[in-house]
Protein backbone atom coordinates (compact mmCIF):
# COMPACT_ATOMS: atom_id res chain seq x y z
CA UNK A 1 -18.22 -16.49 -25.83
CA UNK A 2 -15.61 -17.42 -23.26
CA UNK A 3 -17.09 -17.91 -19.80
CA UNK A 4 -15.56 -16.19 -16.80
CA UNK A 5 -13.92 -18.34 -14.18
CA UNK A 6 -15.85 -18.18 -10.92
CA UNK A 7 -13.93 -17.21 -7.80
CA UNK A 8 -13.87 -19.93 -5.18
CA UNK A 9 -14.69 -18.76 -1.65
CA UNK A 10 -14.94 -21.95 0.46
CA UNK A 11 -16.52 -21.67 3.91
CA UNK A 12 -14.13 -20.53 6.66
CA UNK A 13 -11.37 -19.88 4.15
CA UNK A 14 -9.20 -16.79 3.79
CA UNK A 15 -8.50 -15.14 0.46
CA UNK A 16 -5.06 -14.01 -0.62
CA UNK A 17 -5.75 -11.05 -2.91
CA UNK A 18 -3.19 -9.64 -5.32
CA UNK A 19 -3.47 -6.47 -7.41
CA UNK A 20 -0.82 -4.99 -9.69
CA UNK A 21 -0.76 -1.79 -11.72
CA UNK A 22 -2.09 -1.90 -15.26
CA UNK A 23 1.36 -1.51 -16.84
CA UNK A 24 3.37 -2.98 -13.92
CA UNK A 25 4.64 0.54 -13.30
CA UNK A 26 4.94 2.35 -9.98
CA UNK A 27 1.77 3.60 -8.27
CA UNK A 28 2.90 4.34 -4.73
CA UNK A 29 5.55 7.05 -5.00
CA UNK A 30 4.71 9.02 -1.84
CA UNK A 31 3.26 8.62 1.63
CA UNK A 32 0.13 10.39 0.41
CA UNK A 33 -0.49 7.62 -2.14
CA UNK A 34 -0.28 4.96 0.56
CA UNK A 35 -2.43 6.91 3.00
CA UNK A 36 -5.21 7.63 0.51
CA UNK A 37 -5.36 3.95 -0.50
CA UNK A 38 -5.11 2.75 3.10
CA UNK A 39 -7.91 5.03 4.29
CA UNK A 40 -10.11 3.77 1.44
CA UNK A 41 -9.32 0.19 2.44
CA UNK A 42 -10.33 1.02 6.01
CA UNK A 43 -13.61 2.69 5.10
CA UNK A 44 -14.57 -0.08 2.67
CA UNK A 45 -13.73 -2.84 5.15
CA UNK A 46 -16.19 -1.28 7.60
CA UNK A 47 -18.77 -0.58 4.91
CA UNK A 48 -18.70 -4.15 3.59
CA UNK A 49 -18.17 -5.75 7.01
CA UNK A 50 -15.01 -7.37 5.64
CA UNK A 51 -12.53 -8.95 8.03
CA UNK A 52 -9.01 -8.21 6.82
CA UNK A 53 -6.01 -9.87 8.41
CA UNK A 54 -3.22 -7.93 6.73
CA UNK A 55 -2.19 -5.85 3.74
CA UNK A 56 1.10 -4.88 2.17
CA UNK A 57 1.64 -2.00 -0.24
CA UNK A 58 4.58 -2.39 -2.60
CA UNK A 59 5.57 0.15 -5.25
CA UNK A 60 3.42 -1.34 -8.00
CA UNK A 61 1.25 -3.93 -6.31
CA UNK A 62 -0.78 -4.80 -3.23
CA UNK A 63 -1.36 -7.97 -1.23
CA UNK A 64 -4.28 -8.54 1.16
CA UNK A 65 -5.42 -11.46 3.27
CA UNK A 66 -9.18 -11.25 3.88
CA UNK A 67 -12.06 -13.39 5.11
CA UNK A 68 -15.05 -12.81 2.80
CA UNK A 69 -18.23 -14.76 3.42
CA UNK A 70 -18.93 -15.26 -0.29
CA UNK A 71 -17.71 -14.21 -3.77
CA UNK A 72 -20.15 -11.29 -3.94
CA UNK A 73 -18.75 -9.67 -0.80
CA UNK A 74 -15.19 -10.21 -2.05
CA UNK A 75 -15.80 -8.75 -5.51
CA UNK A 76 -17.90 -5.80 -4.29
CA UNK A 77 -15.33 -4.92 -1.64
CA UNK A 78 -12.38 -4.95 -4.02
CA UNK A 79 -14.36 -3.19 -6.77
CA UNK A 80 -15.28 -0.31 -4.48
CA UNK A 81 -11.70 0.13 -3.25
CA UNK A 82 -10.39 0.17 -6.81
CA UNK A 83 -13.09 2.48 -8.12
CA UNK A 84 -12.62 5.13 -5.44
CA UNK A 85 -8.83 5.03 -5.48
CA UNK A 86 -8.56 5.14 -9.28
CA UNK A 87 -10.82 8.19 -9.40
CA UNK A 88 -8.80 9.91 -6.68
CA UNK A 89 -5.43 9.00 -8.24
CA UNK A 90 -6.47 10.03 -11.74
CA UNK A 91 -7.79 13.37 -10.47
CA UNK A 92 -4.56 13.94 -8.56
CA UNK A 93 -2.27 13.11 -11.46
CA UNK A 94 -4.31 14.18 -14.49
CA UNK A 95 -4.22 10.69 -15.95
CA UNK A 96 -7.22 8.68 -17.15
CA UNK A 97 -8.24 5.07 -17.54
CA UNK A 98 -7.74 1.98 -15.36
CA UNK A 99 -4.94 1.77 -12.83
CA UNK A 100 -4.92 -1.93 -11.97
CA UNK A 101 -4.88 -5.04 -14.10
CA UNK A 102 -8.21 -6.84 -14.22
CA UNK A 103 -9.32 -9.17 -12.87
CA UNK A 104 -7.43 -9.06 -9.58
CA UNK A 105 -5.78 -12.27 -8.43
CA UNK A 106 -7.21 -14.28 -5.56
CA UNK A 107 -6.67 -17.70 -4.05
CA UNK A 108 -8.51 -19.41 -1.17
CA UNK A 109 -6.52 -20.53 1.86
CA UNK A 110 -8.42 -23.19 3.79
CA UNK A 111 -5.97 -24.92 6.13
CA UNK A 112 -4.34 -23.02 8.97
CA UNK A 113 -0.96 -23.99 7.52
CA UNK A 114 -1.81 -22.33 4.20
CA UNK A 115 -3.25 -19.31 5.98
CA UNK A 116 -0.09 -18.87 8.02
CA UNK A 117 2.06 -19.26 4.91
CA UNK A 118 0.05 -16.63 3.03
CA UNK A 119 0.24 -14.15 5.90
CA UNK A 120 3.99 -14.66 6.27
CA UNK A 121 4.49 -14.28 2.53
CA UNK A 122 2.50 -11.02 2.42
CA UNK A 123 4.35 -9.47 5.34
CA UNK A 124 7.73 -10.47 3.91
CA UNK A 125 7.27 -8.84 0.50
CA UNK A 126 9.55 -5.85 1.31
CA UNK A 127 12.13 -8.20 2.84
CA UNK A 128 12.17 -10.24 -0.36
CA UNK A 129 12.66 -7.01 -2.35
CA UNK A 130 15.59 -5.95 -0.10
CA UNK A 131 13.83 -2.88 1.30
CA UNK A 132 14.35 -3.97 4.91
CA UNK A 133 15.77 -6.80 6.99
CA UNK A 134 12.55 -7.46 8.93
CA UNK A 135 9.01 -6.86 7.78
CA UNK A 136 8.22 -4.89 10.93
CA UNK A 137 10.74 -2.26 9.76
CA UNK A 138 8.68 -1.38 6.68
CA UNK A 139 5.84 1.06 7.35
CA UNK A 140 3.63 -0.17 4.52
CA UNK A 141 3.34 -3.75 5.75
CA UNK A 142 1.54 -2.10 8.70
CA UNK A 143 2.93 -4.86 10.92
CA UNK A 144 4.63 -2.32 13.19
CA UNK A 145 1.20 -0.87 14.03
CA UNK A 146 -0.31 -4.11 15.35
CA UNK A 147 1.04 -3.39 18.84
CA UNK A 148 2.44 0.15 18.59
CA UNK A 149 0.61 3.37 17.72
CA UNK A 150 3.75 5.39 16.91
CA UNK A 151 6.37 2.92 15.64
CA UNK A 152 8.15 5.37 13.32
CA UNK A 153 8.00 8.56 15.36
CA UNK A 154 7.99 9.92 18.89
CA UNK A 155 4.54 9.90 20.46
CA UNK A 156 3.45 13.54 20.56
CA UNK A 157 2.08 15.36 23.58
CA UNK A 158 -0.87 17.03 21.94
CA UNK A 159 -1.15 19.82 24.51
CA UNK A 160 2.45 20.81 23.76
CA UNK A 161 2.25 20.44 19.96
CA UNK A 162 2.13 23.33 17.54
CA UNK A 163 -1.27 24.54 16.36
CA UNK A 164 -0.64 23.17 12.84
CA UNK A 165 -0.19 19.64 14.16
CA UNK A 166 -3.15 19.83 16.53
CA UNK A 167 -5.32 21.13 13.71
CA UNK A 168 -4.17 18.30 11.44
CA UNK A 169 -5.10 15.70 14.05
CA UNK A 170 -8.51 17.33 14.51
CA UNK A 171 -9.22 17.29 10.78
CA UNK A 172 -8.16 13.65 10.43
CA UNK A 173 -10.40 12.73 13.37
CA UNK A 174 -13.32 14.52 11.73
CA UNK A 175 -12.84 12.59 8.47
CA UNK A 176 -12.54 9.25 10.24
CA UNK A 177 -15.57 9.82 12.48
CA UNK A 178 -17.62 10.83 9.43
CA UNK A 179 -16.70 7.56 7.71
CA UNK A 180 -14.74 9.31 4.96
CA UNK A 181 -11.48 8.28 3.33
CA UNK A 182 -8.70 10.84 3.05
CA UNK A 183 -8.38 13.05 -0.02
CA UNK A 184 -5.16 14.13 -1.72
CA UNK A 185 -5.74 17.92 -1.44
CA UNK A 186 -6.32 17.67 2.29
CA UNK A 187 -3.20 15.56 2.89
CA UNK A 188 -1.05 17.85 0.74
CA UNK A 189 -2.26 20.86 2.69
CA UNK A 190 -1.76 19.28 6.11
CA UNK A 191 1.74 18.00 5.36
CA UNK A 192 2.73 21.38 3.89
CA UNK A 193 2.11 22.96 7.32
CA UNK A 194 4.27 20.49 9.25
CA UNK A 195 7.96 19.97 9.87
CA UNK A 196 9.66 16.63 9.23
CA UNK A 197 9.10 15.28 12.75
CA UNK A 198 5.44 16.27 12.71
CA UNK A 199 4.92 14.67 9.29
CA UNK A 200 6.15 11.34 10.66
CA UNK A 201 3.92 11.71 13.71
CA UNK A 202 0.87 12.56 11.61
CA UNK A 203 1.51 9.60 9.32
CA UNK A 204 1.66 7.30 12.34
CA UNK A 205 -1.51 8.88 13.72
CA UNK A 206 -3.40 8.36 10.45
CA UNK A 207 -2.40 4.70 10.19
CA UNK A 208 -3.31 3.88 13.78
CA UNK A 209 -6.58 5.85 13.54
CA UNK A 210 -7.69 4.12 10.34
CA UNK A 211 -6.22 0.77 11.40
CA UNK A 212 -8.72 -1.96 10.51
CA UNK A 213 -6.87 -5.28 10.61
CA UNK A 214 -8.12 -8.18 12.70
CA UNK A 215 -5.16 -8.51 15.05
CA UNK A 216 -6.51 -11.29 17.21
CA UNK A 217 -7.35 -13.56 14.29
CA UNK A 218 -3.79 -13.13 13.03
CA UNK A 219 -2.35 -13.94 16.43
CA UNK A 220 -4.57 -16.99 16.84
CA UNK A 221 -3.04 -18.57 13.74
CA UNK A 222 0.34 -18.61 15.51
CA UNK A 223 -0.56 -18.80 19.20
CA UNK A 224 0.20 -15.15 19.97
CA UNK A 225 1.76 -11.94 18.75
CA UNK A 226 5.38 -12.79 19.58
CA UNK A 227 5.03 -16.21 17.98
CA UNK A 228 3.67 -14.56 14.84
CA UNK A 229 6.60 -12.13 14.69
CA UNK A 230 9.05 -14.97 15.16
CA UNK A 231 7.45 -17.01 12.37
CA UNK A 232 7.54 -14.00 10.03
CA UNK A 233 11.21 -13.39 10.84
CA UNK A 234 12.44 -16.95 10.32
CA UNK A 235 10.37 -18.05 7.31
CA UNK A 236 9.32 -16.46 4.03
CA UNK A 237 6.10 -18.27 3.14
CA UNK A 238 5.28 -19.46 -0.37
CA UNK A 239 2.48 -18.45 -2.73
CA UNK A 240 2.08 -19.72 -6.28
CA UNK A 241 -1.62 -19.38 -6.98
CA UNK A 242 -2.56 -15.67 -7.04
CA UNK A 243 -1.16 -14.91 -10.49
CA UNK A 244 1.86 -12.94 -9.30
CA UNK A 245 4.76 -12.88 -11.75
CA UNK A 246 7.99 -13.28 -9.83
CA UNK A 247 10.45 -10.40 -10.28
CA UNK A 248 13.83 -11.13 -8.73
CA UNK A 249 15.07 -7.53 -8.96
CA UNK A 250 15.48 -5.59 -5.73
CA UNK A 251 13.26 -2.55 -5.13
CA UNK A 252 16.15 -0.57 -3.67
CA UNK A 253 16.60 1.16 -7.03
CA UNK A 254 12.95 2.28 -7.01
CA UNK A 255 13.48 3.82 -3.57
CA UNK A 256 16.57 5.59 -4.92
CA UNK A 257 14.57 6.97 -7.85
CA UNK A 258 11.79 8.17 -5.55
CA UNK A 259 14.32 10.05 -3.44
CA UNK A 260 15.81 11.76 -6.50
CA UNK A 261 12.42 12.58 -7.98
CA UNK A 262 11.34 14.07 -4.67
CA UNK A 263 14.51 16.12 -4.43
CA UNK A 264 13.70 17.73 -7.80
CA UNK A 265 10.08 18.47 -6.90
CA UNK A 266 8.62 15.79 -9.16
CA UNK A 267 6.59 14.10 -6.43
CA UNK A 268 4.81 17.15 -5.05
CA UNK A 269 1.04 17.72 -5.34
CA UNK A 270 -0.19 16.65 -8.76
CA UNK A 271 2.74 14.24 -9.21
CA UNK A 272 4.54 16.22 -11.96
CA UNK A 273 6.70 13.17 -12.66
CA UNK A 274 3.84 11.63 -14.62
CA UNK A 275 3.37 14.70 -16.81
CA UNK A 276 6.90 15.51 -17.92
CA UNK A 277 7.37 16.71 -21.52
CA UNK A 278 8.91 13.99 -23.67
CA UNK A 279 12.33 15.67 -23.87
CA UNK A 280 12.56 16.23 -20.13
CA UNK A 281 11.35 12.70 -19.43
CA UNK A 282 14.14 11.32 -21.64
CA UNK A 283 16.70 13.52 -19.87
CA UNK A 284 15.51 12.44 -16.45
CA UNK A 285 15.58 8.78 -17.51
CA UNK A 286 19.22 9.20 -18.48
CA UNK A 287 19.92 10.94 -15.17
CA UNK A 288 18.40 8.00 -13.30
CA UNK A 289 20.61 5.58 -15.27
CA UNK A 290 23.75 7.34 -14.10
CA UNK A 291 22.72 8.25 -10.55
CA UNK A 292 20.90 5.13 -9.31
CA UNK A 293 21.29 1.37 -9.48
CA UNK A 294 18.11 1.08 -11.58
CA UNK A 295 17.97 -1.09 -14.68
CA UNK A 296 16.39 0.16 -17.90
CA UNK A 297 13.33 -1.94 -17.13
CA UNK A 298 12.95 -0.38 -13.67
CA UNK A 299 13.35 3.14 -15.09
CA UNK A 300 10.73 2.38 -17.71
CA UNK A 301 8.29 1.22 -15.04
CA UNK A 302 9.11 4.17 -12.80
CA UNK A 303 8.37 6.68 -15.58
CA UNK A 304 5.64 4.58 -17.24
CA UNK A 305 7.49 4.67 -20.54
CA UNK A 306 5.50 1.63 -21.71
CA UNK A 307 2.67 4.00 -22.46
CA UNK A 308 4.69 5.84 -25.02
CA UNK A 309 5.90 8.85 -23.05
C-alpha cells in the first residue's frame, strides 16, 4: 500500500495553499459563489483559530496564505471549508460528488523572502490572467478591502437607504453575529430586491463584515501597507511548489462567457448553465465560439464538457 506524503508545517512558517476544481472547470461564475465561499472561509478561520494572510478566488481555483500551528489544524481547516462549500454548491446546482481535486496543494514558506514572494504571487493571479492591471482592482483578491470598506461602491448612508437595502444589511449582520456562513437562497433573495448600485454596496458590506485576514502581519512583511502595495505592483512573485499547472491563457474569455451566460439567464439561482440539455449545451458552446475570444478548451471547462455533457 502506498503511504501518504505527510504535509510539512515547520514552526513559524506560512503555508501557501492551492485548490483547483475537480475537472479544472469553472466554479466561481457569480458573486454569490464567491460570497458563499468567502463567508465559509471567514467562519472556519474563526472556528479553527487560523491566521490567514490573504486569499484569491480565480474562476476555477483558489490560493490562500495561512499560518497553521501544525498539520492537523491545516488539514481540519481546509477539510471543513471544502465540505461545507461542496454541500452548498451541490445543493444549489443539483450536481453531486467532489468539487475540488484531492489532496489540495500546500507548500511551507519559512523565510520572510519566500513569504513575501508567495503573498505577491497570490495577489497577482488576476493580473497574470489579464483580468486587471493591478491586483487591487480585482474584487476577489480582497486586497482593496484591507484599507477600504467600500472600494467598489459608494458608501451608503443607511438612514437614507431603501428598506430593502437596510433589511439586507440587518440580515447579513444577524448571520455574521450568529457565526453562520451565508447561504445561496438568502443571497439570491436579497440581491433580487436590490438595484445595481445597492447590489454593489451590499457585496462590499458582506466582504468587509466577514473580512478575516491578518492585515498587520501582511504589512509587517513589507514594512507597511503602502510598501506592500508597491511590492505587489512592481513584482509578480514566483511559486513552483504547490502543484499548480501553469496555464498561459488569459481569463478574459471566461469573463466574456460569464457575461453572455448571465445575459441569457443561465447564471440565475440554481445555475441553469450546469443543467442544460445536451442539444442546447452544444448550441450554446457554438455560440460562445463565435461571440467570445474563448478557445475550445476554455469553452469545455466553462461548460464542464469533460464530464460528458
